[in-house]
Amino acid sequence: MPLMRATDTLKKLLGPTQDFEATSPAVTIRYARPDDALALMDLADLDSSTAPHGIVLVAEVGGRIWAAHSIDDGHAIADPFRPTGELSFLLGERARQLSTAARPPRRFSRRTLQAA
């Protein structure tokens, strides 16, 4: 009973809330394909930059590329007219994960283990 009163009080104070699923579009993180070249050039033009080269990750929302990040050199572009800050961060983190996973494992010598 006290929980229901607390919930009712919060609803009165905060007003109507938004449904998270209804307000957040789905995001797809994927590797860029050759047929994305024109979209990447258009995005780079919007961002007043150059298109990323090499292996590129893209963030796609509603079938459109909103941000891109090169795994090879870290060059990133994003649509300045959309909320892409978190997408750019997410692409950078994913690129870091992929580049770390691609490196061969470090070999530890006896000295480095003793120093730790």
C-alpha atoms as a PDB file:
ATOM      1  CA  MET A   1       0.000   0.000   0.000  1.00  0.00           C
ATOM      2  CA  PRO A   2       2.755   2.565   0.834  1.00  0.00           C
ATOM      3  CA  LEU A   3       4.495   1.692  -2.458  1.00  0.00           C
ATOM      4  CA  MET A   4       1.368   2.508  -4.460  1.00  0.00           C
ATOM      5  CA  ARG A   5       1.011   5.868  -2.696  1.00  0.00           C
ATOM      6  CA  ALA A   6       4.664   6.663  -3.421  1.00  0.00           C
ATOM      7  CA  THR A   7       4.202   5.748  -7.090  1.00  0.00           C
ATOM      8  CA  ASP A   8       1.082   7.914  -7.344  1.00  0.00           C
ATOM      9  CA  THR A   9       2.907  10.829  -5.701  1.00  0.00           C
ATOM     10  CA  LEU A  10       5.830  10.519  -8.147  1.00  0.00           C
ATOM     11  CA  LYS A  11       3.450  10.446 -11.108  1.00  0.00           C
ATOM     12  CA  LYS A  12       1.803  13.642  -9.866  1.00  0.00           C
ATOM     13  CA  LEU A  13       5.171  15.349  -9.373  1.00  0.00           C
ATOM     14  CA  LEU A  14       6.845  14.210 -12.580  1.00  0.00           C
ATOM     15  CA  GLY A  15       3.869  14.262 -14.909  1.00  0.00           C
ATOM     16  CA  PRO A  16       3.529  11.945 -17.891  1.00  0.00           C
ATOM     17  CA  THR A  17       6.579   9.917 -18.822  1.00  0.00           C
ATOM     18  CA  GLN A  18       7.792   8.789 -22.208  1.00  0.00           C
ATOM     19  CA  ASP A  19       7.963   5.207 -23.300  1.00  0.00           C
ATOM     20  CA  PHE A  20      11.691   4.497 -23.774  1.00  0.00           C
ATOM     21  CA  GLU A  21      11.142   2.050 -26.626  1.00  0.00           C
ATOM     22  CA  ALA A  22       8.881   4.448 -28.519  1.00  0.00           C
ATOM     23  CA  THR A  23      11.313   7.384 -28.340  1.00  0.00           C
ATOM     24  CA  SER A  24      14.592   5.571 -29.015  1.00  0.00           C
ATOM     25  CA  PRO A  25      15.179   4.420 -32.580  1.00  0.00           C
ATOM     26  CA  ALA A  26      17.052   1.189 -33.219  1.00  0.00           C
ATOM     27  CA  VAL A  27      20.770   1.564 -33.947  1.00  0.00           C
ATOM     28  CA  THR A  28      22.800  -0.897 -36.010  1.00  0.00           C
ATOM     29  CA  ILE A  29      26.596  -0.975 -35.704  1.00  0.00           C
ATOM     30  CA  ARG A  30      28.164  -2.721 -38.689  1.00  0.00           C
ATOM     31  CA  TYR A  31      31.117  -2.723 -41.040  1.00  0.00           C
ATOM     32  CA  ALA A  32      30.821  -0.366 -43.986  1.00  0.00           C
ATOM     33  CA  ARG A  33      30.239  -2.043 -47.342  1.00  0.00           C
ATOM     34  CA  PRO A  34      31.358  -0.875 -50.786  1.00  0.00           C
ATOM     35  CA  ASP A  35      27.824   0.342 -51.543  1.00  0.00           C
ATOM     36  CA  ASP A  36      28.093   2.728 -48.539  1.00  0.00           C
ATOM     37  CA  ALA A  37      30.787   4.813 -50.268  1.00  0.00           C
ATOM     38  CA  LEU A  38      28.405   7.501 -51.553  1.00  0.00           C
ATOM     39  CA  ALA A  39      26.614   7.779 -48.198  1.00  0.00           C
ATOM     40  CA  LEU A  40      29.984   8.121 -46.418  1.00  0.00           C
ATOM     41  CA  MET A  41      31.084  10.849 -48.835  1.00  0.00           C
ATOM     42  CA  ASP A  42      27.791  12.723 -48.256  1.00  0.00           C
ATOM     43  CA  LEU A  43      28.190  12.336 -44.480  1.00  0.00           C
ATOM     44  CA  ALA A  44      31.793  13.572 -44.665  1.00  0.00           C
ATOM     45  CA  ASP A  45      30.606  16.591 -46.653  1.00  0.00           C
ATOM     46  CA  LEU A  46      28.014  17.386 -43.964  1.00  0.00           C
ATOM     47  CA  ASP A  47      30.730  17.083 -41.313  1.00  0.00           C
ATOM     48  CA  SER A  48      33.137  19.279 -43.348  1.00  0.00           C
ATOM     49  CA  SER A  49      35.635  16.429 -43.367  1.00  0.00           C
ATOM     50  CA  THR A  50      36.868  13.573 -45.510  1.00  0.00           C
ATOM     51  CA  ALA A  51      35.403  10.095 -45.607  1.00  0.00           C
ATOM     52  CA  PRO A  52      37.170   7.545 -43.388  1.00  0.00           C
ATOM     53  CA  HIS A  53      39.375   4.999 -45.149  1.00  0.00           C
ATOM     54  CA  GLY A  54      40.284   1.379 -44.534  1.00  0.00           C
ATOM     55  CA  ILE A  55      38.098  -0.778 -42.329  1.00  0.00           C
ATOM     56  CA  VAL A  56      35.182   1.437 -41.275  1.00  0.00           C
ATOM     57  CA  LEU A  57      32.415   0.917 -38.742  1.00  0.00           C
ATOM     58  CA  VAL A  58      29.123   2.734 -39.262  1.00  0.00           C
ATOM     59  CA  ALA A  59      26.176   3.527 -37.000  1.00  0.00           C
ATOM     60  CA  GLU A  60      22.958   3.193 -38.949  1.00  0.00           C
ATOM     61  CA  VAL A  61      19.594   4.535 -37.747  1.00  0.00           C
ATOM     62  CA  GLY A  62      16.465   4.010 -39.781  1.00  0.00           C
ATOM     63  CA  GLY A  63      18.459   2.793 -42.773  1.00  0.00           C
ATOM     64  CA  ARG A  64      20.671   5.920 -42.851  1.00  0.00           C
ATOM     65  CA  ILE A  65      24.288   6.230 -41.724  1.00  0.00           C
ATOM     66  CA  TRP A  66      24.569   8.794 -38.921  1.00  0.00           C
ATOM     67  CA  ALA A  67      28.217   8.237 -37.933  1.00  0.00           C
ATOM     68  CA  ALA A  68      31.323   6.366 -39.103  1.00  0.00           C
ATOM     69  CA  HIS A  69      34.702   5.490 -37.581  1.00  0.00           C
ATOM     70  CA  SER A  70      37.836   4.083 -39.228  1.00  0.00           C
ATOM     71  CA  ILE A  71      39.391   1.204 -37.306  1.00  0.00           C
ATOM     72  CA  ASP A  72      42.661   1.744 -39.179  1.00  0.00           C
ATOM     73  CA  ASP A  73      43.390   5.381 -38.323  1.00  0.00           C
ATOM     74  CA  GLY A  74      40.637   6.455 -35.906  1.00  0.00           C
ATOM     75  CA  HIS A  75      39.195   9.104 -38.252  1.00  0.00           C
ATOM     76  CA  ALA A  76      35.530   9.654 -37.406  1.00  0.00           C
ATOM     77  CA  ILE A  77      32.671  11.573 -38.972  1.00  0.00           C
ATOM     78  CA  ALA A  78      29.098  12.191 -37.852  1.00  0.00           C
ATOM     79  CA  ASP A  79      25.984  14.032 -38.946  1.00  0.00           C
ATOM     80  CA  PRO A  80      26.135  17.410 -37.156  1.00  0.00           C
ATOM     81  CA  PHE A  81      22.359  17.844 -37.487  1.00  0.00           C
ATOM     82  CA  ARG A  82      21.493  14.715 -35.490  1.00  0.00           C
ATOM     83  CA  PRO A  83      22.240  13.611 -31.898  1.00  0.00           C
ATOM     84  CA  THR A  84      25.365  11.607 -32.752  1.00  0.00           C
ATOM     85  CA  GLY A  85      27.674  12.209 -29.786  1.00  0.00           C
ATOM     86  CA  GLU A  86      26.881   8.907 -28.101  1.00  0.00           C
ATOM     87  CA  LEU A  87      26.978   7.065 -31.433  1.00  0.00           C
ATOM     88  CA  SER A  88      30.464   8.398 -32.137  1.00  0.00           C
ATOM     89  CA  PHE A  89      31.619   7.311 -28.688  1.00  0.00           C
ATOM     90  CA  LEU A  90      30.066   3.870 -29.174  1.00  0.00           C
ATOM     91  CA  LEU A  91      31.785   3.451 -32.552  1.00  0.00           C
ATOM     92  CA  GLY A  92      35.131   4.486 -31.057  1.00  0.00           C
ATOM     93  CA  GLU A  93      34.783   1.974 -28.229  1.00  0.00           C
ATOM     94  CA  ARG A  94      33.801  -0.821 -30.607  1.00  0.00           C
ATOM     95  CA  ALA A  95      36.738   0.018 -32.893  1.00  0.00           C
ATOM     96  CA  ARG A  96      39.063  -0.136 -29.872  1.00  0.00           C
ATOM     97  CA  GLN A  97      37.650  -3.540 -28.894  1.00  0.00           C
ATOM     98  CA  LEU A  98      38.090  -4.908 -32.398  1.00  0.00           C
ATOM     99  CA  SER A  99      41.642  -3.608 -32.787  1.00  0.00           C
ATOM    100  CA  THR A 100      42.599  -4.987 -29.364  1.00  0.00           C
ATOM    101  CA  ALA A 101      41.121  -8.393 -30.212  1.00  0.00           C
ATOM    102  CA  ALA A 102      43.092  -8.490 -33.469  1.00  0.00           C
ATOM    103  CA  ARG A 103      46.458  -8.017 -31.732  1.00  0.00           C
ATOM    104  CA  PRO A 104      48.394 -11.132 -30.822  1.00  0.00           C
ATOM    105  CA  PRO A 105      48.484 -11.844 -27.096  1.00  0.00           C
ATOM    106  CA  ARG A 106      51.374 -10.330 -25.151  1.00  0.00           C
ATOM    107  CA  ARG A 107      54.060 -12.692 -24.011  1.00  0.00           C
ATOM    108  CA  PHE A 108      55.209 -12.126 -20.501  1.00  0.00           C
ATOM    109  CA  SER A 109      58.744 -12.832 -19.460  1.00  0.00           C
ATOM    110  CA  ARG A 110      59.674 -13.968 -16.010  1.00  0.00           C
ATOM    111  CA  ARG A 111      60.966 -10.467 -15.193  1.00  0.00           C
ATOM    112  CA  THR A 112      57.731  -8.688 -16.057  1.00  0.00           C
ATOM    113  CA  LEU A 113      55.721 -11.172 -13.977  1.00  0.00           C
ATOM    114  CA  GLN A 114      58.060 -10.737 -10.998  1.00  0.00           C
ATOM    115  CA  ALA A 115      57.857  -6.954 -11.288  1.00  0.00           C
ATOM    116  CA  ALA A 116      54.069  -7.100 -11.128  1.00  0.00           C
END
